[in-house]
Amino acid sequence: MSTEFVLSIAREALTTALLLAAPVLGLSLVVGVAISIFQATTQIQEQTLTFVPKILAALVGILFFGAWMLNTLVTYAAGIFGNLATLVR
């Protein structure tokens, strides 16, 4: 197994992980910024106000993007298991 092959597998794994995490993290980021702007304009300084909307946004993101995320993960795992014979050698 060459160094380039190992690096390509690692790059594919990191790309897949970033693709899977991006929708949920993006929604949480947008909701967090919106809540922060709301807190700054109304001068409400409650620290726990941001947690519930971010958790709900993450759950909505998982519900909305869950099928795509699962399909992406299954495709990656099938590719790894399909090339297992070449990976071991």
N, C-alpha and C. Protein backbone atom coordinates (compact mmCIF):
# COMPACT_ATOMS: atom_id res chain seq x y z
N MET A 1 0.85 -1.17 0.00
CA MET A 1 0.00 0.00 0.00
C MET A 1 0.90 1.23 0.00
N SER A 2 0.70 2.09 -0.97
CA SER A 2 1.56 3.26 -1.11
C SER A 2 1.04 4.42 -0.25
N THR A 3 1.90 5.39 -0.10
CA THR A 3 1.55 6.57 0.68
C THR A 3 0.42 7.36 0.02
N GLU A 4 0.46 7.45 -1.29
CA GLU A 4 -0.59 8.18 -2.01
C GLU A 4 -1.95 7.52 -1.83
N PHE A 5 -1.96 6.18 -1.81
CA PHE A 5 -3.21 5.45 -1.64
C PHE A 5 -3.80 5.69 -0.25
N VAL A 6 -2.96 5.67 0.76
CA VAL A 6 -3.41 5.92 2.13
C VAL A 6 -3.91 7.35 2.26
N LEU A 7 -3.21 8.30 1.66
CA LEU A 7 -3.64 9.69 1.71
C LEU A 7 -4.97 9.91 0.97
N SER A 8 -5.17 9.19 -0.12
CA SER A 8 -6.44 9.33 -0.84
C SER A 8 -7.60 8.76 -0.02
N ILE A 9 -7.36 7.67 0.69
CA ILE A 9 -8.41 7.11 1.56
C ILE A 9 -8.70 8.07 2.71
N ALA A 10 -7.66 8.65 3.30
CA ALA A 10 -7.86 9.60 4.40
C ALA A 10 -8.57 10.85 3.90
N ARG A 11 -8.22 11.32 2.71
CA ARG A 11 -8.87 12.50 2.15
C ARG A 11 -10.35 12.22 1.89
N GLU A 12 -10.65 11.05 1.37
CA GLU A 12 -12.04 10.69 1.11
C GLU A 12 -12.84 10.57 2.42
N ALA A 13 -12.20 10.04 3.46
CA ALA A 13 -12.87 9.91 4.75
C ALA A 13 -13.16 11.29 5.35
N LEU A 14 -12.20 12.18 5.28
CA LEU A 14 -12.42 13.53 5.82
C LEU A 14 -13.46 14.30 5.02
N THR A 15 -13.43 14.14 3.70
CA THR A 15 -14.43 14.80 2.86
C THR A 15 -15.83 14.29 3.18
N THR A 16 -15.95 12.99 3.36
CA THR A 16 -17.25 12.41 3.69
C THR A 16 -17.72 12.90 5.06
N ALA A 17 -16.83 12.95 6.03
CA ALA A 17 -17.20 13.43 7.36
C ALA A 17 -17.64 14.89 7.32
N LEU A 18 -16.94 15.72 6.55
CA LEU A 18 -17.33 17.12 6.43
C LEU A 18 -18.67 17.27 5.72
N LEU A 19 -18.90 16.47 4.69
CA LEU A 19 -20.18 16.52 3.99
C LEU A 19 -21.33 16.10 4.90
N LEU A 20 -21.09 15.11 5.76
CA LEU A 20 -22.14 14.65 6.65
C LEU A 20 -22.44 15.66 7.77
N ALA A 21 -21.43 16.36 8.21
CA ALA A 21 -21.61 17.29 9.34
C ALA A 21 -22.06 18.68 8.89
N ALA A 22 -21.81 19.05 7.65
CA ALA A 22 -22.05 20.42 7.19
C ALA A 22 -23.51 20.88 7.30
N PRO A 23 -24.50 20.09 6.89
CA PRO A 23 -25.88 20.62 6.98
C PRO A 23 -26.34 20.91 8.41
N VAL A 24 -26.04 20.01 9.32
CA VAL A 24 -26.48 20.19 10.71
C VAL A 24 -25.71 21.34 11.36
N LEU A 25 -24.42 21.40 11.13
CA LEU A 25 -23.63 22.49 11.70
C LEU A 25 -24.00 23.84 11.10
N GLY A 26 -24.30 23.85 9.80
CA GLY A 26 -24.70 25.09 9.15
C GLY A 26 -26.02 25.63 9.69
N LEU A 27 -26.99 24.74 9.86
CA LEU A 27 -28.27 25.17 10.44
C LEU A 27 -28.10 25.66 11.88
N SER A 28 -27.28 24.96 12.65
CA SER A 28 -27.03 25.40 14.03
C SER A 28 -26.33 26.75 14.05
N LEU A 29 -25.43 26.97 13.12
CA LEU A 29 -24.73 28.25 13.05
C LEU A 29 -25.69 29.39 12.72
N VAL A 30 -26.55 29.17 11.74
CA VAL A 30 -27.51 30.21 11.34
C VAL A 30 -28.46 30.53 12.50
N VAL A 31 -28.96 29.50 13.17
CA VAL A 31 -29.87 29.73 14.29
C VAL A 31 -29.13 30.41 15.44
N GLY A 32 -27.90 30.02 15.69
CA GLY A 32 -27.12 30.66 16.75
C GLY A 32 -26.87 32.13 16.49
N VAL A 33 -26.56 32.48 15.25
CA VAL A 33 -26.34 33.88 14.90
C VAL A 33 -27.63 34.67 15.02
N ALA A 34 -28.74 34.07 14.57
CA ALA A 34 -30.03 34.76 14.68
C ALA A 34 -30.41 35.01 16.13
N ILE A 35 -30.20 34.02 16.99
CA ILE A 35 -30.50 34.20 18.41
C ILE A 35 -29.57 35.23 19.03
N SER A 36 -28.31 35.25 18.63
CA SER A 36 -27.36 36.24 19.16
C SER A 36 -27.76 37.65 18.75
N ILE A 37 -28.20 37.81 17.51
CA ILE A 37 -28.66 39.13 17.07
C ILE A 37 -29.91 39.54 17.85
N PHE A 38 -30.81 38.60 18.05
CA PHE A 38 -32.02 38.87 18.84
C PHE A 38 -31.65 39.28 20.27
N GLN A 39 -30.68 38.58 20.86
CA GLN A 39 -30.27 38.91 22.23
C GLN A 39 -29.60 40.28 22.28
N ALA A 40 -28.83 40.61 21.24
CA ALA A 40 -28.14 41.90 21.24
C ALA A 40 -29.12 43.05 21.05
N THR A 41 -30.13 42.84 20.23
CA THR A 41 -31.08 43.94 20.00
C THR A 41 -32.05 44.14 21.16
N THR A 42 -32.42 43.06 21.83
CA THR A 42 -33.35 43.19 22.95
C THR A 42 -32.65 43.28 24.29
N GLN A 43 -31.35 43.15 24.31
CA GLN A 43 -30.52 43.19 25.51
C GLN A 43 -30.91 42.13 26.53
N ILE A 44 -31.36 40.99 26.03
CA ILE A 44 -31.61 39.83 26.90
C ILE A 44 -30.30 39.06 27.00
N GLN A 45 -29.78 38.90 28.18
CA GLN A 45 -28.50 38.24 28.36
C GLN A 45 -28.65 36.87 29.02
N GLU A 46 -29.58 36.10 28.57
CA GLU A 46 -29.80 34.75 29.09
C GLU A 46 -28.93 33.77 28.31
N GLN A 47 -28.04 33.08 29.00
CA GLN A 47 -27.09 32.18 28.35
C GLN A 47 -27.75 30.90 27.84
N THR A 48 -28.81 30.47 28.48
CA THR A 48 -29.43 29.20 28.10
C THR A 48 -30.44 29.37 26.96
N LEU A 49 -30.70 30.58 26.52
CA LEU A 49 -31.67 30.83 25.47
C LEU A 49 -31.24 30.24 24.13
N THR A 50 -29.96 30.08 23.90
CA THR A 50 -29.49 29.61 22.60
C THR A 50 -29.52 28.10 22.46
N PHE A 51 -29.55 27.36 23.54
CA PHE A 51 -29.41 25.91 23.45
C PHE A 51 -30.62 25.22 22.82
N VAL A 52 -31.81 25.55 23.25
CA VAL A 52 -33.01 24.86 22.75
C VAL A 52 -33.23 25.11 21.26
N PRO A 53 -33.15 26.34 20.76
CA PRO A 53 -33.32 26.52 19.31
C PRO A 53 -32.24 25.82 18.48
N LYS A 54 -31.01 25.81 18.97
CA LYS A 54 -29.94 25.12 18.23
C LYS A 54 -30.16 23.62 18.20
N ILE A 55 -30.61 23.06 19.31
CA ILE A 55 -30.90 21.62 19.35
C ILE A 55 -32.06 21.29 18.42
N LEU A 56 -33.09 22.12 18.43
CA LEU A 56 -34.21 21.90 17.52
C LEU A 56 -33.79 22.04 16.07
N ALA A 57 -32.93 23.00 15.76
CA ALA A 57 -32.44 23.17 14.39
C ALA A 57 -31.61 21.96 13.97
N ALA A 58 -30.81 21.42 14.88
CA ALA A 58 -30.03 20.23 14.56
C ALA A 58 -30.94 19.03 14.30
N LEU A 59 -31.99 18.88 15.09
CA LEU A 59 -32.94 17.78 14.87
C LEU A 59 -33.67 17.94 13.54
N VAL A 60 -34.07 19.17 13.22
CA VAL A 60 -34.73 19.41 11.92
C VAL A 60 -33.76 19.12 10.78
N GLY A 61 -32.50 19.50 10.96
CA GLY A 61 -31.50 19.20 9.93
C GLY A 61 -31.29 17.72 9.74
N ILE A 62 -31.28 16.98 10.83
CA ILE A 62 -31.12 15.52 10.73
C ILE A 62 -32.35 14.91 10.07
N LEU A 63 -33.53 15.40 10.41
CA LEU A 63 -34.75 14.88 9.79
C LEU A 63 -34.80 15.20 8.29
N PHE A 64 -34.39 16.41 7.94
CA PHE A 64 -34.47 16.83 6.55
C PHE A 64 -33.36 16.21 5.70
N PHE A 65 -32.14 16.20 6.20
CA PHE A 65 -30.99 15.71 5.44
C PHE A 65 -30.60 14.28 5.80
N GLY A 66 -31.35 13.64 6.68
CA GLY A 66 -30.97 12.30 7.16
C GLY A 66 -30.86 11.25 6.08
N ALA A 67 -31.79 11.24 5.14
CA ALA A 67 -31.74 10.24 4.07
C ALA A 67 -30.51 10.44 3.20
N TRP A 68 -30.21 11.70 2.88
CA TRP A 68 -29.03 11.98 2.08
C TRP A 68 -27.75 11.62 2.83
N MET A 69 -27.72 11.93 4.12
CA MET A 69 -26.55 11.62 4.93
C MET A 69 -26.33 10.11 5.00
N LEU A 70 -27.41 9.37 5.20
CA LEU A 70 -27.30 7.91 5.26
C LEU A 70 -26.85 7.34 3.93
N ASN A 71 -27.39 7.87 2.83
CA ASN A 71 -26.98 7.40 1.51
C ASN A 71 -25.50 7.67 1.24
N THR A 72 -25.03 8.84 1.64
CA THR A 72 -23.61 9.18 1.48
C THR A 72 -22.73 8.25 2.31
N LEU A 73 -23.14 7.99 3.52
CA LEU A 73 -22.36 7.12 4.40
C LEU A 73 -22.34 5.68 3.90
N VAL A 74 -23.48 5.19 3.40
CA VAL A 74 -23.55 3.83 2.87
C VAL A 74 -22.71 3.71 1.61
N THR A 75 -22.71 4.73 0.77
CA THR A 75 -21.88 4.71 -0.44
C THR A 75 -20.40 4.67 -0.08
N TYR A 76 -20.01 5.46 0.90
CA TYR A 76 -18.60 5.44 1.34
C TYR A 76 -18.22 4.08 1.92
N ALA A 77 -19.08 3.54 2.80
CA ALA A 77 -18.78 2.25 3.41
C ALA A 77 -18.74 1.14 2.37
N ALA A 78 -19.64 1.18 1.39
CA ALA A 78 -19.63 0.17 0.33
C ALA A 78 -18.36 0.26 -0.49
N GLY A 79 -17.89 1.48 -0.73
CA GLY A 79 -16.63 1.64 -1.45
C GLY A 79 -15.44 1.10 -0.67
N ILE A 80 -15.42 1.32 0.62
CA ILE A 80 -14.33 0.81 1.45
C ILE A 80 -14.38 -0.72 1.52
N PHE A 81 -15.57 -1.27 1.78
CA PHE A 81 -15.69 -2.73 1.87
C PHE A 81 -15.51 -3.40 0.53
N GLY A 82 -15.88 -2.72 -0.56
CA GLY A 82 -15.68 -3.28 -1.89
C GLY A 82 -14.21 -3.37 -2.27
N ASN A 83 -13.41 -2.44 -1.76
CA ASN A 83 -11.97 -2.43 -2.05
C ASN A 83 -11.15 -3.01 -0.91
N LEU A 84 -11.78 -3.78 -0.06
CA LEU A 84 -11.09 -4.32 1.11
C LEU A 84 -9.94 -5.26 0.71
N ALA A 85 -10.11 -5.99 -0.36
CA ALA A 85 -9.05 -6.90 -0.81
C ALA A 85 -7.79 -6.13 -1.21
N THR A 86 -7.97 -4.98 -1.84
CA THR A 86 -6.80 -4.17 -2.23
C THR A 86 -6.24 -3.39 -1.05
N LEU A 87 -7.07 -3.10 -0.06
CA LEU A 87 -6.60 -2.37 1.10
C LEU A 87 -5.73 -3.22 2.00
N VAL A 88 -6.03 -4.51 2.09
CA VAL A 88 -5.30 -5.38 2.99
C VAL A 88 -3.92 -5.73 2.44
N ARG A 89 -3.84 -5.87 1.15
CA ARG A 89 -2.55 -6.28 0.54
C ARG A 89 -1.51 -5.23 0.62
